[in-house]
Amino acid sequence: MGLPPNVLSQRCASRRYLALVASKWSLLVINALDDGPARNGFLMRKVEGISQKMLTQTLRDLEATGIVRREDHRTVPPHVTYELTPLGKSLRQEVRSLIAWVESHMPALGRAEPNQP
């Protein structure tokens, strides 16, 4: 019987999944998919500031972990949509809660400006 997940242990795979799910772009893409399936172009417009390369990588990572499903409609021109899987849908409330917390604590958070890249 294996040890229980411990995100504080560097050897635990849960840390890798937490880093993926909690990344800036993953949280924003999950939030953008909250209303249902979306195409790449919609996600590019909805998630302001994300590059095409980063959106593609984020979607691939979320698909590989079972959070997002990619559907190729096999049409010409290509038509691909992305949607949250049941596992991804189980994250929606947590993502909404985190976003609501950040937005409601902006005055306090604003006192310590984050470093801008």
N, C-alpha and C. Protein backbone atom coordinates (compact mmCIF):
# COMPACT_ATOMS: atom_id res chain seq x y z
N MET A 1 0.85 -1.18 0.00
CA MET A 1 0.00 0.00 0.00
C MET A 1 0.89 1.24 0.00
N GLY A 2 0.66 2.16 -0.93
CA GLY A 2 1.48 3.36 -1.06
C GLY A 2 1.14 4.41 0.00
N LEU A 3 2.01 5.37 0.07
CA LEU A 3 1.80 6.48 0.99
C LEU A 3 0.69 7.39 0.46
N PRO A 4 -0.04 8.06 1.35
CA PRO A 4 -1.07 8.99 0.90
C PRO A 4 -0.42 10.19 0.21
N PRO A 5 -1.14 10.83 -0.71
CA PRO A 5 -0.58 12.00 -1.38
C PRO A 5 -0.16 13.07 -0.38
N ASN A 6 0.99 13.68 -0.64
CA ASN A 6 1.49 14.76 0.21
C ASN A 6 2.13 15.80 -0.70
N VAL A 7 1.40 16.86 -0.99
CA VAL A 7 1.86 17.88 -1.93
C VAL A 7 3.12 18.58 -1.45
N LEU A 8 3.42 18.50 -0.17
CA LEU A 8 4.63 19.14 0.36
C LEU A 8 5.88 18.31 0.12
N SER A 9 5.71 17.05 -0.24
CA SER A 9 6.84 16.17 -0.54
C SER A 9 7.24 16.33 -2.00
N GLN A 10 8.51 16.61 -2.25
CA GLN A 10 8.95 16.80 -3.63
C GLN A 10 8.88 15.52 -4.44
N ARG A 11 8.80 14.38 -3.78
CA ARG A 11 8.72 13.09 -4.49
C ARG A 11 7.30 12.71 -4.85
N CYS A 12 6.34 13.43 -4.34
CA CYS A 12 4.94 13.07 -4.57
C CYS A 12 4.44 13.66 -5.89
N ALA A 13 3.80 12.81 -6.69
CA ALA A 13 3.28 13.26 -7.99
C ALA A 13 2.20 14.33 -7.83
N SER A 14 1.57 14.39 -6.67
CA SER A 14 0.52 15.39 -6.47
C SER A 14 1.08 16.81 -6.63
N ARG A 15 2.35 17.00 -6.33
CA ARG A 15 2.95 18.33 -6.48
C ARG A 15 2.98 18.74 -7.95
N ARG A 16 3.30 17.81 -8.81
CA ARG A 16 3.33 18.10 -10.25
C ARG A 16 1.93 18.47 -10.75
N TYR A 17 0.92 17.72 -10.29
CA TYR A 17 -0.45 18.01 -10.71
C TYR A 17 -0.93 19.35 -10.15
N LEU A 18 -0.56 19.65 -8.92
CA LEU A 18 -0.94 20.94 -8.35
C LEU A 18 -0.32 22.07 -9.15
N ALA A 19 0.95 21.93 -9.50
CA ALA A 19 1.62 22.97 -10.28
C ALA A 19 0.93 23.16 -11.63
N LEU A 20 0.50 22.08 -12.25
CA LEU A 20 -0.17 22.18 -13.54
C LEU A 20 -1.54 22.83 -13.40
N VAL A 21 -2.34 22.33 -12.47
CA VAL A 21 -3.71 22.83 -12.31
C VAL A 21 -3.73 24.26 -11.80
N ALA A 22 -2.80 24.61 -10.93
CA ALA A 22 -2.80 25.93 -10.30
C ALA A 22 -1.98 26.95 -11.07
N SER A 23 -1.49 26.60 -12.25
CA SER A 23 -0.73 27.59 -13.02
C SER A 23 -1.66 28.72 -13.47
N LYS A 24 -1.07 29.87 -13.69
CA LYS A 24 -1.84 31.04 -14.10
C LYS A 24 -2.73 30.74 -15.30
N TRP A 25 -2.14 30.17 -16.33
CA TRP A 25 -2.91 29.96 -17.56
C TRP A 25 -3.93 28.84 -17.41
N SER A 26 -3.59 27.78 -16.68
CA SER A 26 -4.55 26.68 -16.49
C SER A 26 -5.81 27.17 -15.79
N LEU A 27 -5.64 27.95 -14.73
CA LEU A 27 -6.80 28.47 -14.00
C LEU A 27 -7.67 29.33 -14.91
N LEU A 28 -7.04 30.17 -15.72
CA LEU A 28 -7.80 31.05 -16.61
C LEU A 28 -8.49 30.26 -17.72
N VAL A 29 -7.84 29.24 -18.26
CA VAL A 29 -8.46 28.42 -19.31
C VAL A 29 -9.62 27.62 -18.73
N ILE A 30 -9.43 27.03 -17.56
CA ILE A 30 -10.53 26.30 -16.90
C ILE A 30 -11.71 27.23 -16.68
N ASN A 31 -11.43 28.45 -16.23
CA ASN A 31 -12.50 29.42 -16.01
C ASN A 31 -13.18 29.79 -17.33
N ALA A 32 -12.41 29.96 -18.40
CA ALA A 32 -12.98 30.30 -19.70
C ALA A 32 -13.85 29.18 -20.25
N LEU A 33 -13.54 27.94 -19.90
CA LEU A 33 -14.34 26.80 -20.37
C LEU A 33 -15.53 26.50 -19.46
N ASP A 34 -15.71 27.31 -18.45
CA ASP A 34 -16.78 27.09 -17.48
C ASP A 34 -18.17 27.12 -18.12
N ASP A 35 -18.34 27.92 -19.17
CA ASP A 35 -19.65 28.06 -19.81
C ASP A 35 -19.94 26.99 -20.86
N GLY A 36 -18.98 26.13 -21.13
CA GLY A 36 -19.20 25.08 -22.11
C GLY A 36 -18.10 25.01 -23.14
N PRO A 37 -18.27 24.14 -24.14
CA PRO A 37 -17.24 23.93 -25.15
C PRO A 37 -16.87 25.22 -25.86
N ALA A 38 -15.60 25.32 -26.25
CA ALA A 38 -15.13 26.52 -26.94
C ALA A 38 -14.05 26.15 -27.94
N ARG A 39 -13.97 26.96 -28.96
CA ARG A 39 -12.92 26.79 -29.97
C ARG A 39 -11.69 27.58 -29.56
N ASN A 40 -10.59 27.27 -30.21
CA ASN A 40 -9.31 27.90 -29.92
C ASN A 40 -9.39 29.42 -30.03
N GLY A 41 -9.97 29.93 -31.08
CA GLY A 41 -10.07 31.37 -31.30
C GLY A 41 -10.83 32.07 -30.19
N PHE A 42 -11.91 31.45 -29.72
CA PHE A 42 -12.68 32.01 -28.61
C PHE A 42 -11.82 32.09 -27.37
N LEU A 43 -11.07 31.02 -27.08
CA LEU A 43 -10.22 31.00 -25.89
C LEU A 43 -9.12 32.06 -25.99
N MET A 44 -8.58 32.26 -27.19
CA MET A 44 -7.56 33.30 -27.38
C MET A 44 -8.13 34.68 -27.05
N ARG A 45 -9.37 34.93 -27.46
CA ARG A 45 -9.99 36.23 -27.17
C ARG A 45 -10.40 36.35 -25.71
N LYS A 46 -10.90 35.27 -25.15
CA LYS A 46 -11.41 35.29 -23.77
C LYS A 46 -10.27 35.44 -22.75
N VAL A 47 -9.18 34.70 -22.95
CA VAL A 47 -8.05 34.73 -22.01
C VAL A 47 -7.04 35.74 -22.55
N GLU A 48 -7.28 36.99 -22.25
CA GLU A 48 -6.42 38.06 -22.77
C GLU A 48 -4.98 37.88 -22.31
N GLY A 49 -4.06 38.09 -23.25
CA GLY A 49 -2.64 38.05 -22.92
C GLY A 49 -1.96 36.71 -23.13
N ILE A 50 -2.73 35.65 -23.35
CA ILE A 50 -2.12 34.34 -23.57
C ILE A 50 -1.66 34.25 -25.03
N SER A 51 -0.48 33.71 -25.23
CA SER A 51 0.01 33.51 -26.60
C SER A 51 -0.58 32.21 -27.15
N GLN A 52 -0.57 32.09 -28.47
CA GLN A 52 -1.07 30.87 -29.09
C GLN A 52 -0.28 29.66 -28.61
N LYS A 53 1.04 29.82 -28.51
CA LYS A 53 1.89 28.72 -28.06
C LYS A 53 1.52 28.29 -26.64
N MET A 54 1.32 29.26 -25.75
CA MET A 54 1.00 28.93 -24.36
C MET A 54 -0.40 28.34 -24.24
N LEU A 55 -1.35 28.84 -25.03
CA LEU A 55 -2.70 28.26 -25.02
C LEU A 55 -2.65 26.81 -25.47
N THR A 56 -1.93 26.55 -26.55
CA THR A 56 -1.82 25.18 -27.06
C THR A 56 -1.19 24.27 -26.02
N GLN A 57 -0.11 24.72 -25.39
CA GLN A 57 0.57 23.90 -24.37
C GLN A 57 -0.34 23.67 -23.17
N THR A 58 -1.04 24.70 -22.74
CA THR A 58 -1.94 24.58 -21.59
C THR A 58 -3.07 23.60 -21.89
N LEU A 59 -3.67 23.71 -23.07
CA LEU A 59 -4.74 22.79 -23.45
C LEU A 59 -4.23 21.35 -23.53
N ARG A 60 -3.04 21.17 -24.08
CA ARG A 60 -2.46 19.81 -24.16
C ARG A 60 -2.21 19.24 -22.76
N ASP A 61 -1.67 20.06 -21.87
CA ASP A 61 -1.41 19.60 -20.50
C ASP A 61 -2.72 19.24 -19.79
N LEU A 62 -3.73 20.09 -19.94
CA LEU A 62 -5.01 19.82 -19.29
C LEU A 62 -5.69 18.60 -19.90
N GLU A 63 -5.51 18.40 -21.19
CA GLU A 63 -6.05 17.20 -21.84
C GLU A 63 -5.33 15.95 -21.35
N ALA A 64 -4.02 16.02 -21.23
CA ALA A 64 -3.23 14.87 -20.78
C ALA A 64 -3.57 14.45 -19.36
N THR A 65 -4.00 15.39 -18.54
CA THR A 65 -4.36 15.06 -17.15
C THR A 65 -5.83 14.71 -17.01
N GLY A 66 -6.59 14.79 -18.09
CA GLY A 66 -8.00 14.40 -18.03
C GLY A 66 -8.93 15.50 -17.59
N ILE A 67 -8.48 16.75 -17.61
CA ILE A 67 -9.31 17.87 -17.17
C ILE A 67 -10.08 18.48 -18.34
N VAL A 68 -9.48 18.43 -19.52
CA VAL A 68 -10.09 18.98 -20.74
C VAL A 68 -10.17 17.89 -21.79
N ARG A 69 -11.24 17.93 -22.56
CA ARG A 69 -11.41 17.00 -23.68
C ARG A 69 -11.34 17.80 -24.98
N ARG A 70 -10.56 17.30 -25.91
CA ARG A 70 -10.43 17.92 -27.24
C ARG A 70 -11.28 17.11 -28.21
N GLU A 71 -12.14 17.79 -28.96
CA GLU A 71 -12.95 17.10 -29.96
C GLU A 71 -12.66 17.68 -31.34
N ASP A 72 -12.15 16.82 -32.19
CA ASP A 72 -11.90 17.19 -33.58
C ASP A 72 -13.13 16.78 -34.38
N HIS A 73 -13.82 17.76 -34.96
CA HIS A 73 -15.06 17.48 -35.68
C HIS A 73 -14.81 16.98 -37.10
N ARG A 74 -13.54 16.85 -37.46
CA ARG A 74 -13.13 16.29 -38.75
C ARG A 74 -13.85 16.95 -39.93
N THR A 75 -13.74 18.26 -39.98
CA THR A 75 -14.33 19.01 -41.08
C THR A 75 -13.23 19.81 -41.77
N VAL A 76 -13.56 20.30 -42.96
CA VAL A 76 -12.67 21.21 -43.68
C VAL A 76 -13.46 22.50 -43.85
N PRO A 77 -12.95 23.62 -43.35
CA PRO A 77 -11.72 23.78 -42.58
C PRO A 77 -11.83 23.09 -41.22
N PRO A 78 -10.68 22.86 -40.57
CA PRO A 78 -10.68 22.17 -39.28
C PRO A 78 -11.56 22.86 -38.24
N HIS A 79 -12.26 22.06 -37.48
CA HIS A 79 -13.14 22.55 -36.41
C HIS A 79 -12.85 21.70 -35.17
N VAL A 80 -12.20 22.31 -34.19
CA VAL A 80 -11.83 21.62 -32.95
C VAL A 80 -12.42 22.39 -31.79
N THR A 81 -13.04 21.67 -30.86
CA THR A 81 -13.55 22.31 -29.65
C THR A 81 -12.92 21.66 -28.43
N TYR A 82 -12.91 22.43 -27.36
CA TYR A 82 -12.38 21.98 -26.08
C TYR A 82 -13.47 22.15 -25.05
N GLU A 83 -13.56 21.18 -24.14
CA GLU A 83 -14.54 21.30 -23.06
C GLU A 83 -14.00 20.61 -21.82
N LEU A 84 -14.55 21.01 -20.68
CA LEU A 84 -14.17 20.38 -19.43
C LEU A 84 -14.75 18.98 -19.37
N THR A 85 -13.96 18.03 -18.90
CA THR A 85 -14.43 16.68 -18.65
C THR A 85 -15.17 16.69 -17.30
N PRO A 86 -15.78 15.59 -16.90
CA PRO A 86 -16.37 15.55 -15.55
C PRO A 86 -15.33 15.89 -14.47
N LEU A 87 -14.10 15.41 -14.64
CA LEU A 87 -13.04 15.76 -13.69
C LEU A 87 -12.79 17.26 -13.70
N GLY A 88 -12.73 17.85 -14.90
CA GLY A 88 -12.53 19.30 -15.01
C GLY A 88 -13.69 20.07 -14.43
N LYS A 89 -14.91 19.58 -14.65
CA LYS A 89 -16.09 20.25 -14.09
C LYS A 89 -16.07 20.23 -12.57
N SER A 90 -15.44 19.20 -12.00
CA SER A 90 -15.36 19.13 -10.53
C SER A 90 -14.43 20.21 -9.97
N LEU A 91 -13.63 20.84 -10.83
CA LEU A 91 -12.74 21.94 -10.42
C LEU A 91 -13.40 23.31 -10.51
N ARG A 92 -14.51 23.41 -11.22
CA ARG A 92 -15.11 24.72 -11.49
C ARG A 92 -15.34 25.55 -10.25
N GLN A 93 -15.96 24.97 -9.24
CA GLN A 93 -16.28 25.75 -8.04
C GLN A 93 -15.01 26.21 -7.33
N GLU A 94 -14.00 25.37 -7.30
CA GLU A 94 -12.75 25.75 -6.65
C GLU A 94 -12.08 26.90 -7.39
N VAL A 95 -12.09 26.85 -8.71
CA VAL A 95 -11.50 27.93 -9.51
C VAL A 95 -12.30 29.21 -9.31
N ARG A 96 -13.63 29.11 -9.35
CA ARG A 96 -14.48 30.28 -9.11
C ARG A 96 -14.21 30.88 -7.74
N SER A 97 -14.09 30.01 -6.74
CA SER A 97 -13.84 30.49 -5.37
C SER A 97 -12.50 31.22 -5.27
N LEU A 98 -11.47 30.68 -5.89
CA LEU A 98 -10.16 31.33 -5.86
C LEU A 98 -10.21 32.68 -6.56
N ILE A 99 -10.85 32.75 -7.71
CA ILE A 99 -10.98 34.02 -8.43
C ILE A 99 -11.77 35.02 -7.60
N ALA A 100 -12.88 34.58 -7.00
CA ALA A 100 -13.68 35.47 -6.16
C ALA A 100 -12.87 35.98 -4.97
N TRP A 101 -12.06 35.11 -4.37
CA TRP A 101 -11.23 35.52 -3.23
C TRP A 101 -10.25 36.60 -3.67
N VAL A 102 -9.57 36.38 -4.80
CA VAL A 102 -8.60 37.36 -5.29
C VAL A 102 -9.30 38.69 -5.58
N GLU A 103 -10.42 38.63 -6.29
CA GLU A 103 -11.13 39.86 -6.64
C GLU A 103 -11.65 40.60 -5.42
N SER A 104 -12.11 39.88 -4.41
CA SER A 104 -12.64 40.55 -3.21
C SER A 104 -11.54 41.06 -2.29
N HIS A 105 -10.33 40.57 -2.45
CA HIS A 105 -9.21 41.02 -1.61
C HIS A 105 -8.23 41.92 -2.36
N MET A 106 -8.66 42.46 -3.50
CA MET A 106 -7.78 43.31 -4.30
C MET A 106 -7.20 44.49 -3.51
N PRO A 107 -7.99 45.19 -2.69
CA PRO A 107 -7.40 46.31 -1.95
C PRO A 107 -6.23 45.87 -1.05
N ALA A 108 -6.39 44.78 -0.35
CA ALA A 108 -5.33 44.30 0.53
C ALA A 108 -4.16 43.75 -0.28
N LEU A 109 -4.47 43.04 -1.34
CA LEU A 109 -3.42 42.48 -2.18
C LEU A 109 -2.65 43.57 -2.92
N GLY A 110 -3.33 44.65 -3.23
CA GLY A 110 -2.71 45.75 -3.96
C GLY A 110 -1.62 46.46 -3.19
N ARG A 111 -1.59 46.28 -1.89
CA ARG A 111 -0.55 46.92 -1.08
C ARG A 111 0.82 46.31 -1.36
N ALA A 112 0.82 45.09 -1.82
CA ALA A 112 2.09 44.42 -2.15
C ALA A 112 2.04 44.07 -3.63
N GLU A 113 2.40 45.03 -4.47
CA GLU A 113 2.34 44.83 -5.92
C GLU A 113 3.21 43.66 -6.36
N PRO A 114 2.65 42.75 -7.16
CA PRO A 114 3.48 41.64 -7.66
C PRO A 114 4.48 42.16 -8.67
N ASN A 115 5.59 41.47 -8.79
CA ASN A 115 6.59 41.82 -9.80
C ASN A 115 6.01 41.56 -11.18
N GLN A 116 6.19 42.49 -12.07
CA GLN A 116 5.70 42.33 -13.44
C GLN A 116 6.81 41.75 -14.30
N PRO A 117 6.49 40.75 -15.12
CA PRO A 117 7.53 40.17 -15.98
C PRO A 117 7.97 41.14 -17.05
